[in-house]
Amino acid sequence: MEDCIFCKMVKGEVPINKVYEDEDILAFYDINPATPIHILVIPKKHIDCVAHMKKEDEPLIGKIYGVINKIAEEKGFKEQGFRVIVNSGKDSGQEVMHLHFHVLAGTKMGDKIV
């Protein structure tokens, strides 16, 4: 999508603090973190949200979870625990209509919903 901020990040048109990148996935620190560690993990392919995924996207989503686990290990928060949040659509609070996974860590979250 031409006006999607995350697609612009994938193209290198918008600066990011990159955590991880491969041919399919990009991960970077959120510019407005909700927790001490707040990383966004996105597919490079534009998918609006979970509700707009296709069957063919399922392997990519599985790969994203593998990357999240790798990031958690490399950044040292895997054992302490972390939360992964995926919003789908405007009513869920999704602000950027490009599928993204919030990885939150660095604090005890308890029942707090972010």
PDB file of N, CA and C in Angstrom:
ATOM      1  N   MET A   1       0.847  -1.183   0.000  1.00  0.00           N
ATOM      2  CA  MET A   1       0.000   0.000   0.000  1.00  0.00           C
ATOM      3  C   MET A   1       0.885   1.236   0.000  1.00  0.00           C
ATOM      4  N   GLU A   2       0.534   2.163  -0.802  1.00  0.00           N
ATOM      5  CA  GLU A   2       1.345   3.354  -1.006  1.00  0.00           C
ATOM      6  C   GLU A   2       1.420   4.262   0.218  1.00  0.00           C
ATOM      7  N   ASP A   3       0.338   4.387   0.973  1.00  0.00           N
ATOM      8  CA  ASP A   3       0.324   5.311   2.104  1.00  0.00           C
ATOM      9  C   ASP A   3       0.536   4.619   3.449  1.00  0.00           C
ATOM     10  N   CYS A   4       0.850   3.354   3.473  1.00  0.00           N
ATOM     11  CA  CYS A   4       1.041   2.596   4.709  1.00  0.00           C
ATOM     12  C   CYS A   4       2.420   2.903   5.301  1.00  0.00           C
ATOM     13  N   ILE A   5       2.445   3.395   6.530  1.00  0.00           N
ATOM     14  CA  ILE A   5       3.705   3.748   7.184  1.00  0.00           C
ATOM     15  C   ILE A   5       4.615   2.537   7.347  1.00  0.00           C
ATOM     16  N   PHE A   6       4.040   1.366   7.642  1.00  0.00           N
ATOM     17  CA  PHE A   6       4.869   0.175   7.803  1.00  0.00           C
ATOM     18  C   PHE A   6       5.452  -0.276   6.461  1.00  0.00           C
ATOM     19  N   CYS A   7       4.699  -0.140   5.385  1.00  0.00           N
ATOM     20  CA  CYS A   7       5.237  -0.464   4.057  1.00  0.00           C
ATOM     21  C   CYS A   7       6.388   0.481   3.710  1.00  0.00           C
ATOM     22  N   LYS A   8       6.261   1.738   4.111  1.00  0.00           N
ATOM     23  CA  LYS A   8       7.348   2.697   3.884  1.00  0.00           C
ATOM     24  C   LYS A   8       8.579   2.313   4.700  1.00  0.00           C
ATOM     25  N   MET A   9       8.376   1.792   5.897  1.00  0.00           N
ATOM     26  CA  MET A   9       9.498   1.321   6.708  1.00  0.00           C
ATOM     27  C   MET A   9      10.182   0.140   6.035  1.00  0.00           C
ATOM     28  N   VAL A  10       9.389  -0.781   5.501  1.00  0.00           N
ATOM     29  CA  VAL A  10       9.938  -1.937   4.791  1.00  0.00           C
ATOM     30  C   VAL A  10      10.801  -1.480   3.619  1.00  0.00           C
ATOM     31  N   LYS A  11      10.360  -0.443   2.910  1.00  0.00           N
ATOM     32  CA  LYS A  11      11.094   0.078   1.748  1.00  0.00           C
ATOM     33  C   LYS A  11      12.297   0.924   2.142  1.00  0.00           C
ATOM     34  N   GLY A  12      12.445   1.230   3.431  1.00  0.00           N
ATOM     35  CA  GLY A  12      13.548   2.067   3.878  1.00  0.00           C
ATOM     36  C   GLY A  12      13.284   3.554   3.741  1.00  0.00           C
ATOM     37  N   GLU A  13      12.026   3.921   3.519  1.00  0.00           N
ATOM     38  CA  GLU A  13      11.667   5.330   3.333  1.00  0.00           C
ATOM     39  C   GLU A  13      11.447   6.068   4.649  1.00  0.00           C
ATOM     40  N   VAL A  14      11.270   5.321   5.728  1.00  0.00           N
ATOM     41  CA  VAL A  14      11.048   5.886   7.057  1.00  0.00           C
ATOM     42  C   VAL A  14      12.079   5.246   7.985  1.00  0.00           C
ATOM     43  N   PRO A  15      12.835   6.064   8.734  1.00  0.00           N
ATOM     44  CA  PRO A  15      13.853   5.483   9.613  1.00  0.00           C
ATOM     45  C   PRO A  15      13.243   4.701  10.773  1.00  0.00           C
ATOM     46  N   ILE A  16      13.914   3.620  11.150  1.00  0.00           N
ATOM     47  CA  ILE A  16      13.483   2.780  12.267  1.00  0.00           C
ATOM     48  C   ILE A  16      14.700   2.371  13.079  1.00  0.00           C
ATOM     49  N   ASN A  17      14.455   1.926  14.294  1.00  0.00           N
ATOM     50  CA  ASN A  17      15.489   1.328  15.126  1.00  0.00           C
ATOM     51  C   ASN A  17      15.305  -0.186  14.983  1.00  0.00           C
ATOM     52  N   LYS A  18      15.961  -0.749  13.978  1.00  0.00           N
ATOM     53  CA  LYS A  18      15.743  -2.138  13.577  1.00  0.00           C
ATOM     54  C   LYS A  18      16.290  -3.129  14.602  1.00  0.00           C
ATOM     55  N   VAL A  19      15.513  -4.172  14.825  1.00  0.00           N
ATOM     56  CA  VAL A  19      15.886  -5.268  15.710  1.00  0.00           C
ATOM     57  C   VAL A  19      16.217  -6.510  14.892  1.00  0.00           C
ATOM     58  N   TYR A  20      15.464  -6.711  13.793  1.00  0.00           N
ATOM     59  CA  TYR A  20      15.605  -7.937  13.003  1.00  0.00           C
ATOM     60  C   TYR A  20      15.066  -7.673  11.606  1.00  0.00           C
ATOM     61  N   GLU A  21      15.686  -8.332  10.628  1.00  0.00           N
ATOM     62  CA  GLU A  21      15.151  -8.275   9.263  1.00  0.00           C
ATOM     63  C   GLU A  21      15.611  -9.505   8.499  1.00  0.00           C
ATOM     64  N   ASP A  22      14.687 -10.060   7.726  1.00  0.00           N
ATOM     65  CA  ASP A  22      15.018 -11.079   6.743  1.00  0.00           C
ATOM     66  C   ASP A  22      14.169 -10.799   5.504  1.00  0.00           C
ATOM     67  N   GLU A  23      14.073 -11.740   4.604  1.00  0.00           N
ATOM     68  CA  GLU A  23      13.358 -11.497   3.346  1.00  0.00           C
ATOM     69  C   GLU A  23      11.853 -11.322   3.541  1.00  0.00           C
ATOM     70  N   ASP A  24      11.308 -11.805   4.657  1.00  0.00           N
ATOM     71  CA  ASP A  24       9.864 -11.777   4.874  1.00  0.00           C
ATOM     72  C   ASP A  24       9.396 -10.904   6.034  1.00  0.00           C
ATOM     73  N   ILE A  25      10.290 -10.616   6.972  1.00  0.00           N
ATOM     74  CA  ILE A  25       9.886 -10.033   8.254  1.00  0.00           C
ATOM     75  C   ILE A  25      10.796  -8.875   8.631  1.00  0.00           C
ATOM     76  N   LEU A  26      10.199  -7.873   9.279  1.00  0.00           N
ATOM     77  CA  LEU A  26      10.935  -6.736   9.815  1.00  0.00           C
ATOM     78  C   LEU A  26      10.493  -6.531  11.257  1.00  0.00           C
ATOM     79  N   ALA A  27      11.438  -6.281  12.151  1.00  0.00           N
ATOM     80  CA  ALA A  27      11.130  -6.007  13.557  1.00  0.00           C
ATOM     81  C   ALA A  27      11.894  -4.757  13.977  1.00  0.00           C
ATOM     82  N   PHE A  28      11.232  -3.918  14.767  1.00  0.00           N
ATOM     83  CA  PHE A  28      11.836  -2.653  15.180  1.00  0.00           C
ATOM     84  C   PHE A  28      11.209  -2.190  16.490  1.00  0.00           C
ATOM     85  N   TYR A  29      11.916  -1.310  17.192  1.00  0.00           N
ATOM     86  CA  TYR A  29      11.400  -0.768  18.437  1.00  0.00           C
ATOM     87  C   TYR A  29      10.264   0.204  18.162  1.00  0.00           C
ATOM     88  N   ASP A  30       9.199   0.101  18.952  1.00  0.00           N
ATOM     89  CA  ASP A  30       8.060   1.004  18.858  1.00  0.00           C
ATOM     90  C   ASP A  30       8.498   2.402  19.290  1.00  0.00           C
ATOM     91  N   ILE A  31       8.088   3.428  18.555  1.00  0.00           N
ATOM     92  CA  ILE A  31       8.483   4.801  18.902  1.00  0.00           C
ATOM     93  C   ILE A  31       7.702   5.352  20.093  1.00  0.00           C
ATOM     94  N   ASN A  32       6.620   4.672  20.462  1.00  0.00           N
ATOM     95  CA  ASN A  32       5.818   5.078  21.611  1.00  0.00           C
ATOM     96  C   ASN A  32       5.606   3.846  22.504  1.00  0.00           C
ATOM     97  N   PRO A  33       6.668   3.399  23.183  1.00  0.00           N
ATOM     98  CA  PRO A  33       6.599   2.119  23.903  1.00  0.00           C
ATOM     99  C   PRO A  33       5.621   2.120  25.069  1.00  0.00           C
ATOM    100  N   ALA A  34       4.916   0.998  25.212  1.00  0.00           N
ATOM    101  CA  ALA A  34       3.979   0.803  26.322  1.00  0.00           C
ATOM    102  C   ALA A  34       4.664   0.134  27.503  1.00  0.00           C
ATOM    103  N   THR A  35       5.813  -0.493  27.269  1.00  0.00           N
ATOM    104  CA  THR A  35       6.597  -1.163  28.305  1.00  0.00           C
ATOM    105  C   THR A  35       8.071  -0.855  28.033  1.00  0.00           C
ATOM    106  N   PRO A  36       8.969  -1.155  28.970  1.00  0.00           N
ATOM    107  CA  PRO A  36      10.390  -0.867  28.735  1.00  0.00           C
ATOM    108  C   PRO A  36      10.943  -1.486  27.446  1.00  0.00           C
ATOM    109  N   ILE A  37      10.479  -2.666  27.109  1.00  0.00           N
ATOM    110  CA  ILE A  37      10.825  -3.282  25.822  1.00  0.00           C
ATOM    111  C   ILE A  37       9.531  -3.427  25.040  1.00  0.00           C
ATOM    112  N   HIS A  38       9.461  -2.762  23.887  1.00  0.00           N
ATOM    113  CA  HIS A  38       8.256  -2.808  23.049  1.00  0.00           C
ATOM    114  C   HIS A  38       8.733  -2.859  21.602  1.00  0.00           C
ATOM    115  N   ILE A  39       8.646  -4.046  21.043  1.00  0.00           N
ATOM    116  CA  ILE A  39       9.117  -4.295  19.674  1.00  0.00           C
ATOM    117  C   ILE A  39       7.924  -4.643  18.803  1.00  0.00           C
ATOM    118  N   LEU A  40       7.885  -4.087  17.604  1.00  0.00           N
ATOM    119  CA  LEU A  40       6.862  -4.435  16.618  1.00  0.00           C
ATOM    120  C   LEU A  40       7.481  -5.387  15.601  1.00  0.00           C
ATOM    121  N   VAL A  41       6.774  -6.446  15.293  1.00  0.00           N
ATOM    122  CA  VAL A  41       7.218  -7.420  14.302  1.00  0.00           C
ATOM    123  C   VAL A  41       6.157  -7.448  13.212  1.00  0.00           C
ATOM    124  N   ILE A  42       6.581  -7.212  11.972  1.00  0.00           N
ATOM    125  CA  ILE A  42       5.627  -7.119  10.861  1.00  0.00           C
ATOM    126  C   ILE A  42       6.063  -8.006   9.696  1.00  0.00           C
ATOM    127  N   PRO A  43       5.076  -8.514   8.952  1.00  0.00           N
ATOM    128  CA  PRO A  43       5.425  -9.158   7.688  1.00  0.00           C
ATOM    129  C   PRO A  43       5.745  -8.061   6.679  1.00  0.00           C
ATOM    130  N   LYS A  44       6.703  -8.295   5.823  1.00  0.00           N
ATOM    131  CA  LYS A  44       6.988  -7.308   4.768  1.00  0.00           C
ATOM    132  C   LYS A  44       5.840  -7.243   3.766  1.00  0.00           C
ATOM    133  N   LYS A  45       5.177  -8.353   3.582  1.00  0.00           N
ATOM    134  CA  LYS A  45       3.994  -8.383   2.725  1.00  0.00           C
ATOM    135  C   LYS A  45       2.879  -7.612   3.428  1.00  0.00           C
ATOM    136  N   HIS A  46       2.202  -6.743   2.710  1.00  0.00           N
ATOM    137  CA  HIS A  46       1.111  -5.988   3.324  1.00  0.00           C
ATOM    138  C   HIS A  46      -0.114  -6.887   3.488  1.00  0.00           C
ATOM    139  N   ILE A  47      -0.488  -7.061   4.743  1.00  0.00           N
ATOM    140  CA  ILE A  47      -1.741  -7.723   5.113  1.00  0.00           C
ATOM    141  C   ILE A  47      -2.396  -6.757   6.085  1.00  0.00           C
ATOM    142  N   ASP A  48      -3.622  -6.355   5.832  1.00  0.00           N
ATOM    143  CA  ASP A  48      -4.261  -5.349   6.683  1.00  0.00           C
ATOM    144  C   ASP A  48      -4.330  -5.762   8.147  1.00  0.00           C
ATOM    145  N   CYS A  49      -4.815  -6.972   8.410  1.00  0.00           N
ATOM    146  CA  CYS A  49      -5.007  -7.434   9.789  1.00  0.00           C
ATOM    147  C   CYS A  49      -5.257  -8.936   9.760  1.00  0.00           C
ATOM    148  N   VAL A  50      -5.377  -9.532  10.936  1.00  0.00           N
ATOM    149  CA  VAL A  50      -5.622 -10.975  11.031  1.00  0.00           C
ATOM    150  C   VAL A  50      -6.860 -11.369  10.223  1.00  0.00           C
ATOM    151  N   ALA A  51      -7.898 -10.554  10.295  1.00  0.00           N
ATOM    152  CA  ALA A  51      -9.153 -10.864   9.598  1.00  0.00           C
ATOM    153  C   ALA A  51      -8.990 -10.900   8.073  1.00  0.00           C
ATOM    154  N   HIS A  52      -7.918 -10.309   7.562  1.00  0.00           N
ATOM    155  CA  HIS A  52      -7.704 -10.278   6.113  1.00  0.00           C
ATOM    156  C   HIS A  52      -6.617 -11.246   5.647  1.00  0.00           C
ATOM    157  N   MET A  53      -6.156 -12.094   6.562  1.00  0.00           N
ATOM    158  CA  MET A  53      -5.168 -13.100   6.178  1.00  0.00           C
ATOM    159  C   MET A  53      -5.792 -14.107   5.221  1.00  0.00           C
ATOM    160  N   LYS A  54      -4.941 -14.689   4.395  1.00  0.00           N
ATOM    161  CA  LYS A  54      -5.362 -15.766   3.508  1.00  0.00           C
ATOM    162  C   LYS A  54      -4.662 -17.045   3.944  1.00  0.00           C
ATOM    163  N   LYS A  55      -5.173 -18.156   3.495  1.00  0.00           N
ATOM    164  CA  LYS A  55      -4.584 -19.465   3.808  1.00  0.00           C
ATOM    165  C   LYS A  55      -3.086 -19.471   3.490  1.00  0.00           C
ATOM    166  N   GLU A  56      -2.723 -18.853   2.393  1.00  0.00           N
ATOM    167  CA  GLU A  56      -1.317 -18.816   1.960  1.00  0.00           C
ATOM    168  C   GLU A  56      -0.416 -18.036   2.923  1.00  0.00           C
ATOM    169  N   ASP A  57      -1.005 -17.215   3.798  1.00  0.00           N
ATOM    170  CA  ASP A  57      -0.228 -16.421   4.758  1.00  0.00           C
ATOM    171  C   ASP A  57       0.122 -17.191   6.030  1.00  0.00           C
ATOM    172  N   GLU A  58      -0.498 -18.344   6.238  1.00  0.00           N
ATOM    173  CA  GLU A  58      -0.298 -19.086   7.481  1.00  0.00           C
ATOM    174  C   GLU A  58       1.160 -19.449   7.754  1.00  0.00           C
ATOM    175  N   PRO A  59       1.950 -19.919   6.768  1.00  0.00           N
ATOM    176  CA  PRO A  59       3.362 -20.209   7.059  1.00  0.00           C
ATOM    177  C   PRO A  59       4.137 -18.951   7.490  1.00  0.00           C
ATOM    178  N   LEU A  60       3.817 -17.818   6.911  1.00  0.00           N
ATOM    179  CA  LEU A  60       4.467 -16.561   7.272  1.00  0.00           C
ATOM    180  C   LEU A  60       4.172 -16.200   8.726  1.00  0.00           C
ATOM    181  N   ILE A  61       2.939 -16.386   9.159  1.00  0.00           N
ATOM    182  CA  ILE A  61       2.572 -16.070  10.538  1.00  0.00           C
ATOM    183  C   ILE A  61       3.305 -17.005  11.502  1.00  0.00           C
ATOM    184  N   GLY A  62       3.420 -18.254  11.155  1.00  0.00           N
ATOM    185  CA  GLY A  62       4.205 -19.183  11.969  1.00  0.00           C
ATOM    186  C   GLY A  62       5.659 -18.752  12.050  1.00  0.00           C
ATOM    187  N   LYS A  63       6.205 -18.305  10.939  1.00  0.00           N
ATOM    188  CA  LYS A  63       7.593 -17.831  10.910  1.00  0.00           C
ATOM    189  C   LYS A  63       7.753 -16.604  11.807  1.00  0.00           C
ATOM    190  N   ILE A  64       6.758 -15.720  11.814  1.00  0.00           N
ATOM    191  CA  ILE A  64       6.821 -14.527  12.666  1.00  0.00           C
ATOM    192  C   ILE A  64       6.946 -14.933  14.131  1.00  0.00           C
ATOM    193  N   TYR A  65       6.167 -15.917  14.562  1.00  0.00           N
ATOM    194  CA  TYR A  65       6.267 -16.360  15.954  1.00  0.00           C
ATOM    195  C   TYR A  65       7.647 -16.952  16.253  1.00  0.00           C
ATOM    196  N   GLY A  66       8.245 -17.633  15.291  1.00  0.00           N
ATOM    197  CA  GLY A  66       9.612 -18.125  15.466  1.00  0.00           C
ATOM    198  C   GLY A  66      10.605 -16.982  15.621  1.00  0.00           C
ATOM    199  N   VAL A  67      10.425 -15.925  14.833  1.00  0.00           N
ATOM    200  CA  VAL A  67      11.286 -14.740  14.925  1.00  0.00           C
ATOM    201  C   VAL A  67      11.090 -14.053  16.275  1.00  0.00           C
ATOM    202  N   ILE A  68       9.857 -13.967  16.740  1.00  0.00           N
ATOM    203  CA  ILE A  68       9.594 -13.363  18.051  1.00  0.00           C
ATOM    204  C   ILE A  68      10.368 -14.130  19.128  1.00  0.00           C
ATOM    205  N   ASN A  69      10.332 -15.440  19.082  1.00  0.00           N
ATOM    206  CA  ASN A  69      11.057 -16.257  20.056  1.00  0.00           C
ATOM    207  C   ASN A  69      12.563 -16.013  19.975  1.00  0.00           C
ATOM    208  N   LYS A  70      13.074 -15.903  18.756  1.00  0.00           N
ATOM    209  CA  LYS A  70      14.503 -15.637  18.551  1.00  0.00           C
ATOM    210  C   LYS A  70      14.884 -14.269  19.114  1.00  0.00           C
ATOM    211  N   ILE A  71      14.073 -13.259  18.856  1.00  0.00           N
ATOM    212  CA  ILE A  71      14.333 -11.919  19.383  1.00  0.00           C
ATOM    213  C   ILE A  71      14.323 -11.946  20.913  1.00  0.00           C
ATOM    214  N   ALA A  72      13.338 -12.628  21.494  1.00  0.00           N
ATOM    215  CA  ALA A  72      13.245 -12.707  22.952  1.00  0.00           C
ATOM    216  C   ALA A  72      14.510 -13.330  23.546  1.00  0.00           C
ATOM    217  N   GLU A  73      15.015 -14.336  22.891  1.00  0.00           N
ATOM    218  CA  GLU A  73      16.238 -14.976  23.377  1.00  0.00           C
ATOM    219  C   GLU A  73      17.436 -14.043  23.212  1.00  0.00           C
ATOM    220  N   GLU A  74      17.584 -13.454  22.022  1.00  0.00           N
ATOM    221  CA  GLU A  74      18.734 -12.583  21.757  1.00  0.00           C
ATOM    222  C   GLU A  74      18.734 -11.332  22.624  1.00  0.00           C
ATOM    223  N   LYS A  75      17.572 -10.805  22.933  1.00  0.00           N
ATOM    224  CA  LYS A  75      17.472  -9.580  23.731  1.00  0.00           C
ATOM    225  C   LYS A  75      17.424  -9.872  25.231  1.00  0.00           C
ATOM    226  N   GLY A  76      17.381 -11.149  25.607  1.00  0.00           N
ATOM    227  CA  GLY A  76      17.501 -11.535  26.996  1.00  0.00           C
ATOM    228  C   GLY A  76      16.242 -11.471  27.838  1.00  0.00           C
ATOM    229  N   PHE A  77      15.070 -11.493  27.210  1.00  0.00           N
ATOM    230  CA  PHE A  77      13.839 -11.475  28.010  1.00  0.00           C
ATOM    231  C   PHE A  77      12.989 -12.732  27.841  1.00  0.00           C
ATOM    232  N   LYS A  78      13.516 -13.724  27.174  1.00  0.00           N
ATOM    233  CA  LYS A  78      12.757 -14.951  26.930  1.00  0.00           C
ATOM    234  C   LYS A  78      12.383 -15.654  28.232  1.00  0.00           C
ATOM    235  N   GLU A  79      13.328 -15.796  29.140  1.00  0.00           N
ATOM    236  CA  GLU A  79      13.082 -16.534  30.375  1.00  0.00           C
ATOM    237  C   GLU A  79      12.209 -15.765  31.359  1.00  0.00           C
ATOM    238  N   GLN A  80      12.316 -14.434  31.398  1.00  0.00           N
ATOM    239  CA  GLN A  80      11.497 -13.633  32.316  1.00  0.00           C
ATOM    240  C   GLN A  80      10.046 -13.570  31.857  1.00  0.00           C
ATOM    241  N   GLY A  81       9.839 -13.707  30.583  1.00  0.00           N
ATOM    242  CA  GLY A  81       8.493 -13.675  30.018  1.00  0.00           C
ATOM    243  C   GLY A  81       8.234 -12.423  29.204  1.00  0.00           C
ATOM    244  N   PHE A  82       7.283 -12.552  28.317  1.00  0.00           N
ATOM    245  CA  PHE A  82       6.900 -11.443  27.448  1.00  0.00           C
ATOM    246  C   PHE A  82       5.473 -11.667  26.980  1.00  0.00           C
ATOM    247  N   ARG A  83       4.894 -10.624  26.450  1.00  0.00           N
ATOM    248  CA  ARG A  83       3.516 -10.681  25.959  1.00  0.00           C
ATOM    249  C   ARG A  83       3.531 -10.329  24.473  1.00  0.00           C
ATOM    250  N   VAL A  84       2.729 -11.057  23.698  1.00  0.00           N
ATOM    251  CA  VAL A  84       2.553 -10.758  22.279  1.00  0.00           C
ATOM    252  C   VAL A  84       1.097 -10.383  22.075  1.00  0.00           C
ATOM    253  N   ILE A  85       0.884  -9.207  21.501  1.00  0.00           N
ATOM    254  CA  ILE A  85      -0.479  -8.721  21.250  1.00  0.00           C
ATOM    255  C   ILE A  85      -0.642  -8.455  19.764  1.00  0.00           C
ATOM    256  N   VAL A  86      -1.747  -8.932  19.220  1.00  0.00           N
ATOM    257  CA  VAL A  86      -2.095  -8.667  17.824  1.00  0.00           C
ATOM    258  C   VAL A  86      -3.520  -8.138  17.811  1.00  0.00           C
ATOM    259  N   ASN A  87      -3.692  -6.916  17.384  1.00  0.00           N
ATOM    260  CA  ASN A  87      -5.028  -6.335  17.240  1.00  0.00           C
ATOM    261  C   ASN A  87      -5.500  -6.553  15.809  1.00  0.00           C
ATOM    262  N   SER A  88      -6.806  -6.668  15.626  1.00  0.00           N
ATOM    263  CA  SER A  88      -7.345  -6.887  14.286  1.00  0.00           C
ATOM    264  C   SER A  88      -8.533  -5.973  14.054  1.00  0.00           C
ATOM    265  N   GLY A  89      -8.291  -4.905  13.312  1.00  0.00           N
ATOM    266  CA  GLY A  89      -9.349  -3.964  12.967  1.00  0.00           C
ATOM    267  C   GLY A  89      -9.439  -2.776  13.914  1.00  0.00           C
ATOM    268  N   LYS A  90     -10.140  -1.769  13.474  1.00  0.00           N
ATOM    269  CA  LYS A  90     -10.236  -0.512  14.214  1.00  0.00           C
ATOM    270  C   LYS A  90     -10.839  -0.666  15.605  1.00  0.00           C
ATOM    271  N   ASP A  91     -11.873  -1.473  15.762  1.00  0.00           N
ATOM    272  CA  ASP A  91     -12.502  -1.626  17.070  1.00  0.00           C
ATOM    273  C   ASP A  91     -11.591  -2.303  18.092  1.00  0.00           C
ATOM    274  N   SER A  92     -10.560  -2.982  17.633  1.00  0.00           N
ATOM    275  CA  SER A  92      -9.619  -3.636  18.549  1.00  0.00           C
ATOM    276  C   SER A  92      -8.556  -2.665  19.045  1.00  0.00           C
ATOM    277  N   GLY A  93      -8.487  -1.507  18.399  1.00  0.00           N
ATOM    278  CA  GLY A  93      -7.446  -0.542  18.734  1.00  0.00           C
ATOM    279  C   GLY A  93      -6.312  -0.522  17.722  1.00  0.00           C
ATOM    280  N   GLN A  94      -6.434  -1.281  16.652  1.00  0.00           N
ATOM    281  CA  GLN A  94      -5.390  -1.275  15.632  1.00  0.00           C
ATOM    282  C   GLN A  94      -5.348   0.096  14.983  1.00  0.00           C
ATOM    283  N   GLU A  95      -4.192   0.747  15.051  1.00  0.00           N
ATOM    284  CA  GLU A  95      -4.041   2.098  14.507  1.00  0.00           C
ATOM    285  C   GLU A  95      -3.420   2.105  13.119  1.00  0.00           C
ATOM    286  N   VAL A  96      -2.505   1.182  12.867  1.00  0.00           N
ATOM    287  CA  VAL A  96      -1.889   1.062  11.543  1.00  0.00           C
ATOM    288  C   VAL A  96      -2.457  -0.193  10.903  1.00  0.00           C
ATOM    289  N   MET A  97      -3.091  -0.032   9.759  1.00  0.00           N
ATOM    290  CA  MET A  97      -3.735  -1.158   9.088  1.00  0.00           C
ATOM    291  C   MET A  97      -2.727  -1.945   8.248  1.00  0.00           C
ATOM    292  N   HIS A  98      -1.760  -2.501   8.956  1.00  0.00           N
ATOM    293  CA  HIS A  98      -0.769  -3.441   8.431  1.00  0.00           C
ATOM    294  C   HIS A  98      -0.530  -4.394   9.592  1.00  0.00           C
ATOM    295  N   LEU A  99      -0.768  -5.669   9.380  1.00  0.00           N
ATOM    296  CA  LEU A  99      -0.636  -6.658  10.436  1.00  0.00           C
ATOM    297  C   LEU A  99       0.672  -6.462  11.188  1.00  0.00           C
ATOM    298  N   HIS A 100       0.579  -6.375  12.518  1.00  0.00           N
ATOM    299  CA  HIS A 100       1.782  -6.241  13.330  1.00  0.00           C
ATOM    300  C   HIS A 100       1.579  -6.878  14.691  1.00  0.00           C
ATOM    301  N   PHE A 101       2.674  -7.341  15.247  1.00  0.00           N
ATOM    302  CA  PHE A 101       2.706  -8.059  16.504  1.00  0.00           C
ATOM    303  C   PHE A 101       3.473  -7.203  17.509  1.00  0.00           C
ATOM    304  N   HIS A 102       2.825  -6.836  18.598  1.00  0.00           N
ATOM    305  CA  HIS A 102       3.482  -6.092  19.669  1.00  0.00           C
ATOM    306  C   HIS A 102       4.150  -7.107  20.591  1.00  0.00           C
ATOM    307  N   VAL A 103       5.442  -6.973  20.803  1.00  0.00           N
ATOM    308  CA  VAL A 103       6.171  -7.812  21.746  1.00  0.00           C
ATOM    309  C   VAL A 103       6.535  -6.918  22.925  1.00  0.00           C
ATOM    310  N   LEU A 104       5.955  -7.216  24.081  1.00  0.00           N
ATOM    311  CA  LEU A 104       6.115  -6.383  25.270  1.00  0.00           C
ATOM    312  C   LEU A 104       6.869  -7.149  26.345  1.00  0.00           C
ATOM    313  N   ALA A 105       7.841  -6.481  26.961  1.00  0.00           N
ATOM    314  CA  ALA A 105       8.652  -7.129  27.996  1.00  0.00           C
ATOM    315  C   ALA A 105       9.329  -6.061  28.850  1.00  0.00           C
ATOM    316  N   GLY A 106      10.071  -6.550  29.833  1.00  0.00           N
ATOM    317  CA  GLY A 106      10.855  -5.646  30.651  1.00  0.00           C
ATOM    318  C   GLY A 106      10.171  -5.168  31.902  1.00  0.00           C
ATOM    319  N   THR A 107       8.970  -5.665  32.177  1.00  0.00           N
ATOM    320  CA  THR A 107       8.228  -5.311  33.383  1.00  0.00           C
ATOM    321  C   THR A 107       7.222  -6.402  33.678  1.00  0.00           C
ATOM    322  N   LYS A 108       6.812  -6.507  34.914  1.00  0.00           N
ATOM    323  CA  LYS A 108       5.737  -7.446  35.266  1.00  0.00           C
ATOM    324  C   LYS A 108       4.430  -6.790  34.844  1.00  0.00           C
ATOM    325  N   MET A 109       3.670  -7.460  34.021  1.00  0.00           N
ATOM    326  CA  MET A 109       2.458  -6.881  33.469  1.00  0.00           C
ATOM    327  C   MET A 109       1.194  -7.315  34.174  1.00  0.00           C
ATOM    328  N   GLY A 110       1.189  -8.455  34.801  1.00  0.00           N
ATOM    329  CA  GLY A 110      -0.009  -8.908  35.493  1.00  0.00           C
ATOM    330  C   GLY A 110      -1.217  -8.929  34.563  1.00  0.00           C
ATOM    331  N   ASP A 111      -2.312  -8.346  35.032  1.00  0.00           N
ATOM    332  CA  ASP A 111      -3.551  -8.332  34.256  1.00  0.00           C
ATOM    333  C   ASP A 111      -3.693  -7.097  33.379  1.00  0.00           C
ATOM    334  N   LYS A 112      -2.699  -6.237  33.405  1.00  0.00           N
ATOM    335  CA  LYS A 112      -2.760  -5.006  32.609  1.00  0.00           C
ATOM    336  C   LYS A 112      -2.951  -5.345  31.139  1.00  0.00           C
ATOM    337  N   ILE A 113      -3.910  -4.711  30.540  1.00  0.00           N
ATOM    338  CA  ILE A 113      -4.161  -4.905  29.117  1.00  0.00           C
ATOM    339  C   ILE A 113      -3.629  -3.687  28.377  1.00  0.00           C
ATOM    340  N   VAL A 114      -2.761  -3.956  27.415  1.00  0.00           N
ATOM    341  CA  VAL A 114      -2.144  -2.871  26.646  1.00  0.00           C
ATOM    342  C   VAL A 114      -2.720  -2.875  25.253  1.00  0.00           C
TER     343      VAL A 114
END
